[in-house]
Protein backbone atom coordinates (compact mmCIF):
# COMPACT_ATOMS: atom_id res chain seq x y z
CA MET A 1 -110.54 -45.23 -132.07
CA GLY A 2 -110.42 -46.78 -129.08
CA LEU A 3 -113.19 -45.98 -126.30
CA GLU A 4 -110.90 -44.18 -123.95
CA MET A 5 -109.70 -42.05 -126.38
CA ALA A 6 -113.18 -41.37 -128.05
CA MET A 7 -114.63 -40.60 -124.40
CA ASN A 8 -111.96 -38.00 -123.81
CA LEU A 9 -112.55 -36.56 -127.06
CA PHE A 10 -116.24 -36.53 -126.52
CA SER A 11 -116.42 -35.31 -123.13
CA LYS A 12 -114.21 -32.40 -123.35
CA THR A 13 -115.36 -31.24 -126.24
CA ALA A 14 -118.77 -31.28 -125.20
CA LYS A 15 -117.74 -29.50 -121.87
CA ALA A 16 -115.74 -26.63 -123.83
CA GLN A 17 -118.43 -26.21 -126.78
CA PRO A 18 -121.74 -27.06 -125.54
CA SER A 19 -123.40 -26.37 -128.89
CA SER A 20 -121.04 -29.03 -130.54
CA SER A 21 -122.59 -32.43 -131.96
CA PHE A 22 -120.84 -35.66 -133.29
CA VAL A 23 -121.01 -37.96 -136.13
CA VAL A 24 -119.96 -41.55 -135.56
CA CYS A 25 -119.66 -44.56 -137.98
CA ASP A 26 -118.92 -48.13 -136.31
CA PRO A 27 -119.74 -46.95 -132.84
CA ASN A 28 -118.76 -48.85 -129.64
CA SER A 29 -121.76 -50.20 -128.05
CA ALA A 30 -120.60 -48.25 -124.72
CA SER A 31 -120.69 -44.88 -126.58
CA PRO A 32 -123.19 -41.98 -125.08
CA LYS A 33 -126.55 -42.09 -126.33
CA SER A 34 -127.10 -38.30 -126.43
CA ARG A 35 -125.51 -35.70 -128.64
CA LEU A 36 -124.22 -38.49 -130.90
CA ASP A 37 -125.43 -39.42 -134.57
CA VAL A 38 -124.69 -42.77 -136.10
CA VAL A 39 -124.39 -43.09 -139.82
CA ASP A 40 -123.34 -45.78 -142.31
CA SER A 41 -120.35 -44.51 -144.01
CA PRO A 42 -117.50 -42.39 -144.14
CA LEU A 43 -119.02 -40.51 -146.85
CA GLU A 44 -121.90 -40.01 -144.38
CA VAL A 45 -119.73 -38.67 -141.88
CA THR A 46 -117.63 -36.54 -143.94
CA ARG A 47 -120.69 -35.01 -145.01
CA HIS A 48 -122.11 -34.12 -141.66
CA ALA A 49 -118.90 -33.49 -139.76
CA ASP A 50 -116.03 -30.55 -140.57
CA THR A 51 -113.37 -32.37 -138.27
CA ILE A 52 -112.77 -36.04 -138.70
CA PHE A 53 -110.90 -38.51 -136.90
CA THR A 54 -110.09 -41.98 -138.47
CA VAL A 55 -107.86 -44.85 -136.43
CA LEU A 56 -107.94 -48.00 -138.17
CA PRO A 57 -106.39 -51.21 -138.27
CA SER A 58 -104.06 -50.91 -141.11
CA SER A 59 -103.48 -49.85 -144.76
CA PRO A 60 -106.14 -51.59 -146.58
CA HIS A 61 -108.62 -50.15 -144.20
CA VAL A 62 -107.41 -46.50 -144.56
CA LYS A 63 -107.36 -46.76 -148.24
CA LYS A 64 -110.93 -48.13 -148.07
CA VAL A 65 -112.37 -45.58 -145.68
CA TYR A 66 -110.45 -42.67 -147.78
CA LEU A 67 -110.67 -43.92 -151.52
CA GLY A 68 -112.91 -46.85 -151.69
CA ASP A 69 -117.03 -46.67 -152.41
CA ALA A 70 -118.95 -44.58 -149.86
CA GLY A 71 -115.61 -42.96 -148.85
CA VAL A 72 -114.07 -39.56 -147.91
CA LEU A 73 -113.08 -38.77 -151.48
CA GLN A 74 -116.57 -39.42 -152.81
CA ALA A 75 -117.87 -36.87 -150.24
CA LEU A 76 -115.07 -34.34 -150.85
CA SER A 77 -115.79 -34.36 -154.56
CA SER A 78 -119.30 -33.55 -153.90
CA ARG A 79 -120.37 -30.05 -152.76
CA LEU A 80 -120.03 -29.37 -149.01
CA ASP A 81 -120.88 -26.81 -146.76
CA GLY A 82 -117.38 -26.19 -145.80
CA PRO A 83 -113.74 -27.37 -145.43
CA ARG A 84 -112.98 -30.75 -143.84
CA PHE A 85 -110.06 -31.41 -141.84
CA PHE A 86 -108.89 -35.11 -141.23
CA VAL A 87 -106.41 -36.50 -138.49
CA ASP A 88 -105.66 -40.11 -139.28
CA SER A 89 -104.24 -41.99 -136.24
CA THR A 90 -103.63 -45.23 -137.83
CA THR A 91 -100.14 -46.78 -137.84
CA LEU A 92 -100.24 -47.85 -141.60
CA ASP A 93 -97.27 -48.11 -144.57
CA VAL A 94 -95.75 -44.69 -144.91
CA GLN A 95 -96.28 -44.46 -148.55
CA VAL A 96 -99.70 -45.25 -148.34
CA ALA A 97 -100.36 -42.69 -146.03
CA ARG A 98 -98.72 -40.11 -148.40
CA ARG A 99 -100.77 -41.10 -151.29
CA VAL A 100 -104.03 -40.68 -149.46
CA ALA A 101 -102.85 -37.42 -148.14
CA GLU A 102 -102.10 -36.27 -151.46
CA GLN A 103 -105.47 -37.15 -152.87
CA VAL A 104 -107.21 -35.44 -149.93
CA THR A 105 -105.52 -32.44 -150.25
CA ALA A 106 -106.07 -32.28 -154.06
CA THR A 107 -109.87 -32.74 -153.46
CA GLY A 108 -109.98 -29.85 -151.29
CA GLY A 109 -109.45 -31.24 -147.81
CA GLN A 110 -106.73 -31.06 -145.26
CA ILE A 111 -105.28 -34.16 -143.57
CA VAL A 112 -102.38 -34.97 -140.89
CA ASP A 113 -100.99 -38.19 -139.65
CA ALA A 114 -100.84 -38.51 -136.05
CA PRO A 115 -100.11 -41.90 -134.90
CA VAL A 116 -100.48 -42.12 -131.00
CA SER A 117 -98.37 -43.69 -128.32
CA GLY A 118 -99.11 -44.55 -124.63
CA GLY A 119 -101.34 -47.69 -124.25
CA VAL A 120 -104.63 -48.18 -122.58
CA VAL A 121 -103.60 -46.16 -119.66
CA GLY A 122 -102.42 -43.34 -121.35
CA ALA A 123 -105.48 -43.10 -123.21
CA ARG A 124 -107.87 -43.40 -120.09
CA ALA A 125 -105.77 -40.64 -118.44
CA GLY A 126 -105.49 -38.41 -121.51
CA THR A 127 -101.72 -38.59 -121.36
CA LEU A 128 -101.11 -39.84 -124.92
CA SER A 129 -98.54 -38.71 -127.03
CA PHE A 130 -99.02 -37.74 -130.84
CA MET A 131 -96.57 -37.70 -133.39
CA VAL A 132 -97.99 -35.60 -136.35
CA GLY A 133 -97.04 -35.32 -139.75
CA GLY A 134 -98.19 -32.41 -142.23
CA PRO A 135 -98.03 -28.97 -142.78
CA SER A 136 -97.72 -26.67 -140.11
CA ALA A 137 -100.75 -24.82 -140.92
CA SER A 138 -102.64 -28.25 -140.56
CA PHE A 139 -100.56 -29.19 -136.99
CA ASP A 140 -101.85 -26.00 -135.55
CA ILE A 141 -104.93 -26.93 -136.45
CA ALA A 142 -104.97 -30.42 -135.16
CA LYS A 143 -103.43 -29.59 -132.00
CA PRO A 144 -106.07 -28.20 -129.78
CA TYR A 145 -107.84 -31.49 -130.52
CA LEU A 146 -105.14 -34.13 -129.79
CA GLU A 147 -104.64 -32.03 -126.66
CA LEU A 148 -107.89 -33.43 -125.33
CA MET A 149 -106.42 -36.84 -125.63
CA GLY A 150 -102.53 -36.47 -125.00
CA GLN A 151 -99.94 -34.46 -123.23
CA ARG A 152 -97.11 -34.48 -125.88
CA ILE A 153 -98.19 -33.51 -129.57
CA ILE A 154 -94.96 -33.34 -131.58
CA HIS A 155 -94.59 -31.77 -135.03
CA CYS A 156 -92.36 -34.24 -136.89
CA GLY A 157 -92.72 -32.59 -140.21
CA GLY A 158 -94.49 -33.20 -143.80
CA SER A 159 -96.83 -35.66 -144.63
CA GLY A 160 -95.89 -39.16 -143.25
CA THR A 161 -93.50 -38.01 -140.44
CA GLY A 162 -95.39 -38.72 -137.96
CA LEU A 163 -95.79 -42.34 -139.08
CA ILE A 164 -91.93 -42.74 -139.58
CA ALA A 165 -91.68 -41.58 -135.89
CA LYS A 166 -94.33 -44.14 -134.39
CA LEU A 167 -92.71 -47.15 -136.66
CA CYS A 168 -89.14 -46.30 -135.29
CA ASN A 169 -90.38 -46.29 -131.68
CA ASN A 170 -92.63 -49.65 -132.11
CA HIS A 171 -89.50 -51.09 -133.66
CA VAL A 172 -87.55 -50.52 -130.42
CA LEU A 173 -90.58 -51.28 -128.17
CA GLY A 174 -91.12 -54.88 -130.13
CA ILE A 175 -87.37 -55.64 -129.12
CA ASN A 176 -87.35 -54.49 -125.69
CA GLN A 177 -90.57 -56.01 -124.70
CA ILE A 178 -88.69 -59.68 -125.65
CA ALA A 179 -85.63 -58.30 -123.85
CA ILE A 180 -87.14 -57.81 -120.67
CA ALA A 181 -89.10 -60.99 -120.90
CA GLU A 182 -85.83 -63.05 -121.47
CA GLY A 183 -84.04 -61.25 -118.73
CA MET A 184 -86.90 -61.90 -116.30
CA LEU A 185 -87.25 -65.67 -117.35
CA LEU A 186 -83.76 -66.17 -116.90
CA GLY A 187 -83.26 -64.33 -113.64
CA THR A 188 -86.30 -65.85 -111.99
CA SER A 189 -85.31 -69.05 -113.38
CA LEU A 190 -82.14 -68.99 -111.41
CA GLY A 191 -83.60 -68.01 -108.44
CA LEU A 192 -84.72 -64.43 -107.99
CA THR A 193 -87.93 -63.48 -107.07
CA PRO A 194 -89.57 -61.49 -109.87
CA ASP A 195 -90.29 -58.55 -107.80
CA LEU A 196 -86.57 -58.14 -106.73
CA LEU A 197 -85.02 -58.72 -110.35
CA ALA A 198 -87.50 -55.94 -111.62
CA SER A 199 -86.61 -53.61 -109.08
CA ILE A 200 -83.06 -54.13 -109.68
CA ILE A 201 -83.51 -53.60 -113.47
CA ASN A 202 -85.86 -50.37 -112.78
CA SER A 203 -83.23 -48.87 -111.00
CA SER A 204 -80.36 -49.74 -113.23
CA THR A 205 -79.35 -49.32 -116.96
CA GLY A 206 -81.50 -52.24 -118.17
CA ARG A 207 -84.68 -50.01 -117.23
CA SER A 208 -87.33 -49.34 -120.09
CA TRP A 209 -90.87 -48.93 -120.57
CA PRO A 210 -91.69 -52.74 -120.79
CA SER A 211 -89.84 -53.44 -117.46
CA GLU A 212 -91.11 -50.50 -115.69
CA VAL A 213 -94.54 -50.46 -116.80
CA ASN A 214 -95.29 -53.28 -118.98
CA ASN A 215 -93.34 -55.91 -116.98
CA PRO A 216 -94.58 -59.24 -118.42
CA VAL A 217 -94.32 -61.63 -114.87
CA PRO A 218 -97.21 -61.32 -112.77
CA GLY A 219 -96.27 -60.08 -109.25
CA ALA A 220 -92.85 -58.21 -110.56
CA LEU A 221 -94.59 -54.66 -110.18
CA LYS A 222 -96.43 -54.56 -106.81
CA ASP A 223 -97.80 -51.35 -107.09
CA LYS A 224 -99.09 -51.53 -111.00
CA SER A 225 -101.37 -53.67 -112.78
CA PRO A 226 -99.89 -54.49 -116.28
CA PRO A 227 -101.56 -56.93 -118.69
CA CYS A 228 -99.94 -60.02 -117.18
CA GLU A 229 -102.02 -59.53 -113.98
CA ARG A 230 -105.06 -60.12 -115.99
CA GLY A 231 -103.80 -63.24 -118.38
CA TYR A 232 -102.70 -60.70 -120.55
CA ALA A 233 -105.90 -59.52 -121.60
CA GLY A 234 -106.18 -55.94 -122.87
CA GLY A 235 -103.11 -53.82 -123.74
CA PHE A 236 -101.68 -53.97 -127.27
CA ALA A 237 -102.04 -57.13 -129.32
CA SER A 238 -99.14 -58.98 -130.19
CA LYS A 239 -100.60 -59.01 -134.08
CA LEU A 240 -100.48 -55.32 -133.98
CA MET A 241 -97.09 -55.15 -132.59
CA LEU A 242 -95.73 -57.67 -135.45
CA LYS A 243 -97.73 -55.62 -137.99
CA ASP A 244 -95.80 -52.36 -136.94
CA MET A 245 -92.68 -53.94 -137.07
CA LEU A 246 -93.13 -55.47 -140.37
CA LEU A 247 -94.07 -51.69 -141.50
CA ALA A 248 -91.02 -50.55 -139.96
CA SER A 249 -89.12 -53.22 -141.99
CA ASP A 250 -90.88 -52.51 -145.06
CA ALA A 251 -89.99 -48.60 -144.58
CA ALA A 252 -86.39 -49.47 -143.98
CA ARG A 253 -85.99 -51.35 -147.32
CA PRO A 254 -85.72 -48.56 -149.81
CA VAL A 255 -83.34 -46.74 -147.76
CA ALA A 256 -81.22 -50.03 -147.06
CA VAL A 257 -81.08 -49.57 -143.43
CA PRO A 258 -79.95 -53.09 -141.48
CA LEU A 259 -82.26 -54.14 -138.89
CA PRO A 260 -80.90 -57.63 -137.82
CA ILE A 261 -82.13 -57.71 -134.20
CA GLY A 262 -85.74 -56.45 -135.43
CA ALA A 263 -85.88 -59.03 -138.01
CA ARG A 264 -84.90 -61.57 -135.10
CA ALA A 265 -87.83 -60.07 -133.01
CA MET A 266 -90.12 -60.29 -135.72
CA GLU A 267 -89.51 -63.99 -135.97
CA VAL A 268 -90.14 -64.95 -132.46
CA TYR A 269 -93.49 -62.96 -132.73
CA THR A 270 -94.32 -64.96 -136.17
CA GLN A 271 -93.70 -68.11 -134.13
CA MET A 272 -95.49 -67.61 -131.25
CA ILE A 273 -98.76 -66.25 -132.92
CA ALA A 274 -98.30 -69.23 -135.46
CA ALA A 275 -97.99 -71.81 -132.48
CA ASP A 276 -101.47 -70.90 -131.26
CA GLU A 277 -103.07 -70.83 -134.84
CA GLU A 278 -101.88 -74.36 -135.74
CA PRO A 279 -103.55 -76.37 -132.96
CA ARG A 280 -106.85 -74.05 -133.46
CA ARG A 281 -106.57 -75.14 -137.24
CA ASP A 282 -106.34 -78.61 -136.00
CA ARG A 283 -109.48 -78.13 -133.72
CA ALA A 284 -111.39 -76.58 -136.59
CA ALA A 285 -110.50 -79.58 -138.90
CA HIS A 286 -111.11 -82.22 -136.18
CA PRO A 287 -113.84 -80.72 -133.77
CA ASP A 288 -113.96 -83.94 -132.17
CA ALA A 289 -110.67 -84.26 -131.13
CA PRO A 290 -109.65 -83.93 -127.48
CA LYS A 291 -108.74 -80.35 -126.67
CA GLY A 292 -105.37 -79.28 -126.25
CA GLY A 293 -104.24 -80.40 -129.73
CA PRO A 294 -102.52 -83.55 -131.04
CA PRO A 295 -99.35 -84.34 -129.32
CA GLY A 296 -96.35 -82.37 -129.94
CA LYS A 297 -98.31 -79.13 -130.83
CA SER A 298 -98.06 -76.10 -128.56
CA THR A 299 -101.26 -74.40 -126.89
CA THR A 300 -101.60 -71.15 -125.21
CA SER A 301 -101.22 -71.14 -121.37
CA THR A 302 -103.01 -68.14 -121.23
CA GLY A 303 -106.87 -69.10 -121.89
CA THR A 304 -109.01 -69.35 -124.98
CA MET A 305 -107.88 -66.36 -126.55
CA PRO A 306 -104.98 -66.75 -128.94
CA ARG A 307 -101.61 -65.02 -128.03
CA GLY A 308 -102.01 -62.95 -131.18
CA GLU A 309 -104.84 -60.89 -129.55
CA LYS A 310 -103.29 -60.72 -125.95
CA ASP A 311 -100.86 -57.91 -125.07
CA PHE A 312 -97.44 -58.33 -126.71
CA SER A 313 -95.75 -58.88 -123.17
CA VAL A 314 -97.41 -62.32 -123.50
CA VAL A 315 -94.08 -63.36 -125.62
CA TYR A 316 -92.92 -64.19 -121.80
CA ASP A 317 -95.41 -66.67 -121.36
CA TYR A 318 -94.30 -68.21 -124.90
CA LEU A 319 -90.78 -68.02 -123.73
CA ARG A 320 -91.74 -70.13 -120.64
CA GLU A 321 -93.31 -72.72 -122.64
CA GLN A 322 -90.42 -72.94 -125.01
CA ALA A 323 -88.30 -73.71 -121.92
CA GLY A 324 -90.57 -76.39 -120.81
CA GLU A 325 -92.14 -74.71 -117.60
CA PRO A 326 -95.08 -76.27 -116.70
CA VAL A 327 -98.06 -73.63 -116.66
CA GLY A 328 -98.65 -72.16 -113.29
CA SER A 329 -95.51 -73.18 -111.98
CA ARG A 330 -94.75 -69.63 -110.92
């Protein structure tokens, strides 16, 4: 769980329930120093807490935390002092989530999948959206906790349906971010200023979250500070967007749903990430070589952090590079 979400959950719970205590595994260095017990494993968290939140990178991490050694199931299999309730906000493979939920339920726990949308700004403001999958009774238990971090708490159906909703949303989002990058690059290359073009798109039918909130062009949104204003630092990492789109593609395969635009978008993100990784591998193999990589190899124009770790709106920077624009020309 990110720090902004965690702080809302911690501070609002502490205010509403002064006697409550918190147990954390793998804490952020900026975490509160009081009312917080740090333990070494998910097993220990499950032993000491009755409501447990997990937010992890992807499917292998969820399997390790819930099913692995010193994991959740080992604790559930022992004698505990009461029922345990789990909220997993990881974006992961739907079938993996359902198998984990089956095993947690069979061992005496309750669990919902509750992936989240809204970004860092929404996390800080407590205005996130949670898409929840699981039995109605479990949703009713989870909702008051999720309302401490979000404004829209939506019950999507049985186990895995929250994930399905999130994957569909991010499939669309990944495509739209490339579309606005292309449109903004085309318009500015033909002479329009970024702020004028953005204002036209945002008052017309091309309007979307990537154009209105996460616009990838510095100076396009005068009253906002999207990641592009910070060299694309922060936000939602490109490699995580690619991961979510790959999960959507995996989910589409068994039901034979074609995703041709999504497939092309995944190619763009994949190529962008690989373009940064190639010269980095070369530099690792030849540490005495001049920085910037060998002739003909692409390097990021957004600093030392690779684009895969930057906000996915950095795809605009990649397209500029493909168009042959010199860095810093705009």
